[in-house]
Amino acid sequence: MEWLKDYWWVILIILVGIFINTIKALNKLNYKHYLDKKKGIKPIPYNDDEDDDWPSRPQQK
């Protein structure tokens, strides 16, 4: 662990570089395109009553 005391600044530079590259990659994402694409997808029909293995809850009074 002696090398960590001598080269802590190298690790810090690497972490800052990773952080900056992550921010750049996130800025390139186009969430508006994703939302427009998502509007065209029809939802999967799901009926809550079908294939329900759990017992129904008793009515609370």
PDB file of N, CA and C in Angstrom:
ATOM      1  N   MET A   1       0.803  -1.200   0.000  1.00  0.00           N
ATOM      2  CA  MET A   1       0.000   0.000   0.000  1.00  0.00           C
ATOM      3  C   MET A   1       0.849   1.269   0.000  1.00  0.00           C
ATOM      4  N   GLU A   2       2.117   1.083   0.011  1.00  0.00           N
ATOM      5  CA  GLU A   2       3.012   2.250  -0.025  1.00  0.00           C
ATOM      6  C   GLU A   2       2.883   3.009  -1.345  1.00  0.00           C
ATOM      7  N   TRP A   3       2.663   2.268  -2.423  1.00  0.00           N
ATOM      8  CA  TRP A   3       2.529   2.912  -3.734  1.00  0.00           C
ATOM      9  C   TRP A   3       1.290   3.802  -3.774  1.00  0.00           C
ATOM     10  N   LEU A   4       0.264   3.473  -2.982  1.00  0.00           N
ATOM     11  CA  LEU A   4      -0.950   4.285  -2.954  1.00  0.00           C
ATOM     12  C   LEU A   4      -0.665   5.668  -2.374  1.00  0.00           C
ATOM     13  N   LYS A   5       0.210   5.723  -1.409  1.00  0.00           N
ATOM     14  CA  LYS A   5       0.584   7.013  -0.827  1.00  0.00           C
ATOM     15  C   LYS A   5       1.353   7.868  -1.835  1.00  0.00           C
ATOM     16  N   ASP A   6       2.150   7.202  -2.688  1.00  0.00           N
ATOM     17  CA  ASP A   6       2.968   7.934  -3.656  1.00  0.00           C
ATOM     18  C   ASP A   6       2.196   8.336  -4.904  1.00  0.00           C
ATOM     19  N   TYR A   7       1.228   7.519  -5.316  1.00  0.00           N
ATOM     20  CA  TYR A   7       0.553   7.741  -6.602  1.00  0.00           C
ATOM     21  C   TYR A   7      -0.947   7.962  -6.460  1.00  0.00           C
ATOM     22  N   TRP A   8      -1.391   8.584  -5.384  1.00  0.00           N
ATOM     23  CA  TRP A   8      -2.808   8.841  -5.185  1.00  0.00           C
ATOM     24  C   TRP A   8      -3.343   9.793  -6.236  1.00  0.00           C
ATOM     25  N   TRP A   9      -2.513  10.678  -6.726  1.00  0.00           N
ATOM     26  CA  TRP A   9      -2.949  11.667  -7.699  1.00  0.00           C
ATOM     27  C   TRP A   9      -3.248  11.019  -9.050  1.00  0.00           C
ATOM     28  N   VAL A  10      -2.570   9.918  -9.381  1.00  0.00           N
ATOM     29  CA  VAL A  10      -2.847   9.216 -10.639  1.00  0.00           C
ATOM     30  C   VAL A  10      -4.244   8.599 -10.585  1.00  0.00           C
ATOM     31  N   ILE A  11      -4.578   8.007  -9.453  1.00  0.00           N
ATOM     32  CA  ILE A  11      -5.908   7.413  -9.282  1.00  0.00           C
ATOM     33  C   ILE A  11      -6.974   8.504  -9.351  1.00  0.00           C
ATOM     34  N   LEU A  12      -6.694   9.658  -8.773  1.00  0.00           N
ATOM     35  CA  LEU A  12      -7.634  10.769  -8.808  1.00  0.00           C
ATOM     36  C   LEU A  12      -7.864  11.255 -10.242  1.00  0.00           C
ATOM     37  N   ILE A  13      -6.813  11.344 -11.038  1.00  0.00           N
ATOM     38  CA  ILE A  13      -6.937  11.766 -12.440  1.00  0.00           C
ATOM     39  C   ILE A  13      -7.766  10.755 -13.230  1.00  0.00           C
ATOM     40  N   ILE A  14      -7.551   9.476 -12.990  1.00  0.00           N
ATOM     41  CA  ILE A  14      -8.327   8.440 -13.689  1.00  0.00           C
ATOM     42  C   ILE A  14      -9.813   8.540 -13.327  1.00  0.00           C
ATOM     43  N   LEU A  15     -10.119   8.727 -12.055  1.00  0.00           N
ATOM     44  CA  LEU A  15     -11.510   8.844 -11.634  1.00  0.00           C
ATOM     45  C   LEU A  15     -12.183  10.085 -12.213  1.00  0.00           C
ATOM     46  N   VAL A  16     -11.460  11.193 -12.269  1.00  0.00           N
ATOM     47  CA  VAL A  16     -12.011  12.416 -12.870  1.00  0.00           C
ATOM     48  C   VAL A  16     -12.259  12.196 -14.363  1.00  0.00           C
ATOM     49  N   GLY A  17     -11.366  11.495 -15.040  1.00  0.00           N
ATOM     50  CA  GLY A  17     -11.562  11.200 -16.461  1.00  0.00           C
ATOM     51  C   GLY A  17     -12.779  10.325 -16.698  1.00  0.00           C
ATOM     52  N   ILE A  18     -12.972   9.327 -15.856  1.00  0.00           N
ATOM     53  CA  ILE A  18     -14.145   8.469 -15.980  1.00  0.00           C
ATOM     54  C   ILE A  18     -15.412   9.293 -15.764  1.00  0.00           C
ATOM     55  N   PHE A  19     -15.399  10.168 -14.786  1.00  0.00           N
ATOM     56  CA  PHE A  19     -16.550  11.016 -14.483  1.00  0.00           C
ATOM     57  C   PHE A  19     -16.886  11.932 -15.659  1.00  0.00           C
ATOM     58  N   ILE A  20     -15.879  12.558 -16.257  1.00  0.00           N
ATOM     59  CA  ILE A  20     -16.096  13.456 -17.393  1.00  0.00           C
ATOM     60  C   ILE A  20     -16.628  12.686 -18.599  1.00  0.00           C
ATOM     61  N   ASN A  21     -16.070  11.509 -18.883  1.00  0.00           N
ATOM     62  CA  ASN A  21     -16.549  10.712 -20.011  1.00  0.00           C
ATOM     63  C   ASN A  21     -17.983  10.239 -19.800  1.00  0.00           C
ATOM     64  N   THR A  22     -18.347   9.952 -18.566  1.00  0.00           N
ATOM     65  CA  THR A  22     -19.716   9.551 -18.270  1.00  0.00           C
ATOM     66  C   THR A  22     -20.681  10.696 -18.532  1.00  0.00           C
ATOM     67  N   ILE A  23     -20.324  11.895 -18.129  1.00  0.00           N
ATOM     68  CA  ILE A  23     -21.178  13.057 -18.371  1.00  0.00           C
ATOM     69  C   ILE A  23     -21.321  13.310 -19.867  1.00  0.00           C
ATOM     70  N   LYS A  24     -20.247  13.175 -20.625  1.00  0.00           N
ATOM     71  CA  LYS A  24     -20.312  13.367 -22.073  1.00  0.00           C
ATOM     72  C   LYS A  24     -21.231  12.339 -22.718  1.00  0.00           C
ATOM     73  N   ALA A  25     -21.134  11.082 -22.289  1.00  0.00           N
ATOM     74  CA  ALA A  25     -21.972  10.026 -22.852  1.00  0.00           C
ATOM     75  C   ALA A  25     -23.437  10.250 -22.508  1.00  0.00           C
ATOM     76  N   LEU A  26     -23.719  10.698 -21.310  1.00  0.00           N
ATOM     77  CA  LEU A  26     -25.106  10.960 -20.924  1.00  0.00           C
ATOM     78  C   LEU A  26     -25.680  12.155 -21.680  1.00  0.00           C
ATOM     79  N   ASN A  27     -24.848  13.125 -22.014  1.00  0.00           N
ATOM     80  CA  ASN A  27     -25.326  14.269 -22.783  1.00  0.00           C
ATOM     81  C   ASN A  27     -25.655  13.889 -24.223  1.00  0.00           C
ATOM     82  N   LYS A  28     -25.047  12.827 -24.734  1.00  0.00           N
ATOM     83  CA  LYS A  28     -25.309  12.395 -26.105  1.00  0.00           C
ATOM     84  C   LYS A  28     -26.633  11.646 -26.233  1.00  0.00           C
ATOM     85  N   LEU A  29     -27.183  11.175 -25.115  1.00  0.00           N
ATOM     86  CA  LEU A  29     -28.443  10.447 -25.163  1.00  0.00           C
ATOM     87  C   LEU A  29     -29.574  11.381 -25.564  1.00  0.00           C
ATOM     88  N   ASN A  30     -30.450  10.869 -26.414  1.00  0.00           N
ATOM     89  CA  ASN A  30     -31.582  11.649 -26.879  1.00  0.00           C
ATOM     90  C   ASN A  30     -32.845  11.045 -26.294  1.00  0.00           C
ATOM     91  N   TYR A  31     -33.283  11.560 -25.168  1.00  0.00           N
ATOM     92  CA  TYR A  31     -34.442  10.982 -24.502  1.00  0.00           C
ATOM     93  C   TYR A  31     -35.731  11.305 -25.252  1.00  0.00           C
ATOM     94  N   LYS A  32     -35.767  12.395 -26.025  1.00  0.00           N
ATOM     95  CA  LYS A  32     -36.976  12.734 -26.781  1.00  0.00           C
ATOM     96  C   LYS A  32     -37.228  11.690 -27.866  1.00  0.00           C
ATOM     97  N   HIS A  33     -36.177  11.228 -28.504  1.00  0.00           N
ATOM     98  CA  HIS A  33     -36.316  10.180 -29.513  1.00  0.00           C
ATOM     99  C   HIS A  33     -36.838   8.899 -28.871  1.00  0.00           C
ATOM    100  N   TYR A  34     -36.360   8.586 -27.697  1.00  0.00           N
ATOM    101  CA  TYR A  34     -36.811   7.388 -26.979  1.00  0.00           C
ATOM    102  C   TYR A  34     -38.294   7.495 -26.639  1.00  0.00           C
ATOM    103  N   LEU A  35     -38.726   8.657 -26.168  1.00  0.00           N
ATOM    104  CA  LEU A  35     -40.127   8.826 -25.802  1.00  0.00           C
ATOM    105  C   LEU A  35     -41.033   8.759 -27.032  1.00  0.00           C
ATOM    106  N   ASP A  36     -40.585   9.333 -28.164  1.00  0.00           N
ATOM    107  CA  ASP A  36     -41.373   9.255 -29.398  1.00  0.00           C
ATOM    108  C   ASP A  36     -41.480   7.816 -29.882  1.00  0.00           C
ATOM    109  N   LYS A  37     -40.403   7.079 -29.780  1.00  0.00           N
ATOM    110  CA  LYS A  37     -40.398   5.678 -30.201  1.00  0.00           C
ATOM    111  C   LYS A  37     -41.286   4.845 -29.287  1.00  0.00           C
ATOM    112  N   LYS A  38     -41.309   5.168 -28.015  1.00  0.00           N
ATOM    113  CA  LYS A  38     -42.087   4.426 -27.038  1.00  0.00           C
ATOM    114  C   LYS A  38     -43.586   4.605 -27.251  1.00  0.00           C
ATOM    115  N   LYS A  39     -44.014   5.744 -27.782  1.00  0.00           N
ATOM    116  CA  LYS A  39     -45.441   6.002 -28.007  1.00  0.00           C
ATOM    117  C   LYS A  39     -46.038   5.038 -29.016  1.00  0.00           C
ATOM    118  N   GLY A  40     -45.248   4.553 -29.949  1.00  0.00           N
ATOM    119  CA  GLY A  40     -45.750   3.661 -30.985  1.00  0.00           C
ATOM    120  C   GLY A  40     -45.911   2.225 -30.529  1.00  0.00           C
ATOM    121  N   ILE A  41     -45.366   1.877 -29.381  1.00  0.00           N
ATOM    122  CA  ILE A  41     -45.431   0.504 -28.883  1.00  0.00           C
ATOM    123  C   ILE A  41     -46.727   0.321 -28.105  1.00  0.00           C
ATOM    124  N   LYS A  42     -47.468  -0.707 -28.471  1.00  0.00           N
ATOM    125  CA  LYS A  42     -48.708  -0.981 -27.752  1.00  0.00           C
ATOM    126  C   LYS A  42     -48.373  -1.761 -26.478  1.00  0.00           C
ATOM    127  N   PRO A  43     -49.054  -1.449 -25.388  1.00  0.00           N
ATOM    128  CA  PRO A  43     -48.781  -2.178 -24.143  1.00  0.00           C
ATOM    129  C   PRO A  43     -49.287  -3.617 -24.221  1.00  0.00           C
ATOM    130  N   ILE A  44     -48.651  -4.483 -23.490  1.00  0.00           N
ATOM    131  CA  ILE A  44     -49.061  -5.878 -23.439  1.00  0.00           C
ATOM    132  C   ILE A  44     -50.328  -5.973 -22.591  1.00  0.00           C
ATOM    133  N   PRO A  45     -51.383  -6.586 -23.123  1.00  0.00           N
ATOM    134  CA  PRO A  45     -52.600  -6.686 -22.313  1.00  0.00           C
ATOM    135  C   PRO A  45     -52.364  -7.598 -21.113  1.00  0.00           C
ATOM    136  N   TYR A  46     -52.840  -7.158 -19.991  1.00  0.00           N
ATOM    137  CA  TYR A  46     -52.672  -7.920 -18.768  1.00  0.00           C
ATOM    138  C   TYR A  46     -53.973  -7.872 -17.997  1.00  0.00           C
ATOM    139  N   ASN A  47     -54.496  -9.032 -17.711  1.00  0.00           N
ATOM    140  CA  ASN A  47     -55.713  -9.115 -16.928  1.00  0.00           C
ATOM    141  C   ASN A  47     -55.328  -9.600 -15.539  1.00  0.00           C
ATOM    142  N   ASP A  48     -55.658  -8.825 -14.553  1.00  0.00           N
ATOM    143  CA  ASP A  48     -55.259  -9.127 -13.187  1.00  0.00           C
ATOM    144  C   ASP A  48     -55.894 -10.419 -12.660  1.00  0.00           C
ATOM    145  N   ASP A  49     -57.057 -10.783 -13.181  1.00  0.00           N
ATOM    146  CA  ASP A  49     -57.785 -11.931 -12.648  1.00  0.00           C
ATOM    147  C   ASP A  49     -57.271 -13.262 -13.194  1.00  0.00           C
ATOM    148  N   GLU A  50     -56.662 -13.246 -14.361  1.00  0.00           N
ATOM    149  CA  GLU A  50     -56.189 -14.489 -14.972  1.00  0.00           C
ATOM    150  C   GLU A  50     -54.893 -14.952 -14.307  1.00  0.00           C
ATOM    151  N   ASP A  51     -54.781 -16.263 -14.143  1.00  0.00           N
ATOM    152  CA  ASP A  51     -53.558 -16.883 -13.637  1.00  0.00           C
ATOM    153  C   ASP A  51     -53.090 -16.272 -12.312  1.00  0.00           C
ATOM    154  N   ASP A  52     -54.038 -15.970 -11.474  1.00  0.00           N
ATOM    155  CA  ASP A  52     -53.690 -15.391 -10.185  1.00  0.00           C
ATOM    156  C   ASP A  52     -53.665 -16.506  -9.148  1.00  0.00           C
ATOM    157  N   ASP A  53     -52.475 -16.879  -8.711  1.00  0.00           N
ATOM    158  CA  ASP A  53     -52.323 -17.974  -7.761  1.00  0.00           C
ATOM    159  C   ASP A  53     -52.504 -17.524  -6.312  1.00  0.00           C
ATOM    160  N   TRP A  54     -52.413 -16.233  -6.076  1.00  0.00           N
ATOM    161  CA  TRP A  54     -52.522 -15.732  -4.712  1.00  0.00           C
ATOM    162  C   TRP A  54     -53.986 -15.718  -4.284  1.00  0.00           C
ATOM    163  N   PRO A  55     -54.245 -16.076  -3.049  1.00  0.00           N
ATOM    164  CA  PRO A  55     -55.631 -15.986  -2.573  1.00  0.00           C
ATOM    165  C   PRO A  55     -56.042 -14.528  -2.451  1.00  0.00           C
ATOM    166  N   SER A  56     -57.307 -14.271  -2.702  1.00  0.00           N
ATOM    167  CA  SER A  56     -57.762 -12.891  -2.629  1.00  0.00           C
ATOM    168  C   SER A  56     -57.803 -12.441  -1.177  1.00  0.00           C
ATOM    169  N   ARG A  57     -57.622 -11.169  -0.974  1.00  0.00           N
ATOM    170  CA  ARG A  57     -57.609 -10.613   0.372  1.00  0.00           C
ATOM    171  C   ARG A  57     -59.035 -10.538   0.892  1.00  0.00           C
ATOM    172  N   PRO A  58     -59.215 -10.820   2.163  1.00  0.00           N
ATOM    173  CA  PRO A  58     -60.562 -10.656   2.729  1.00  0.00           C
ATOM    174  C   PRO A  58     -60.890  -9.165   2.837  1.00  0.00           C
ATOM    175  N   GLN A  59     -62.146  -8.858   2.727  1.00  0.00           N
ATOM    176  CA  GLN A  59     -62.591  -7.468   2.813  1.00  0.00           C
ATOM    177  C   GLN A  59     -62.363  -6.940   4.225  1.00  0.00           C
ATOM    178  N   GLN A  60     -61.738  -5.794   4.315  1.00  0.00           N
ATOM    179  CA  GLN A  60     -61.518  -5.179   5.621  1.00  0.00           C
ATOM    180  C   GLN A  60     -62.696  -4.272   5.956  1.00  0.00           C
ATOM    181  N   LYS A  61     -63.163  -4.377   7.169  1.00  0.00           N
ATOM    182  CA  LYS A  61     -64.324  -3.575   7.565  1.00  0.00           C
ATOM    183  C   LYS A  61     -63.910  -2.444   8.465  1.00  0.00           C
TER     184      LYS A  61
END
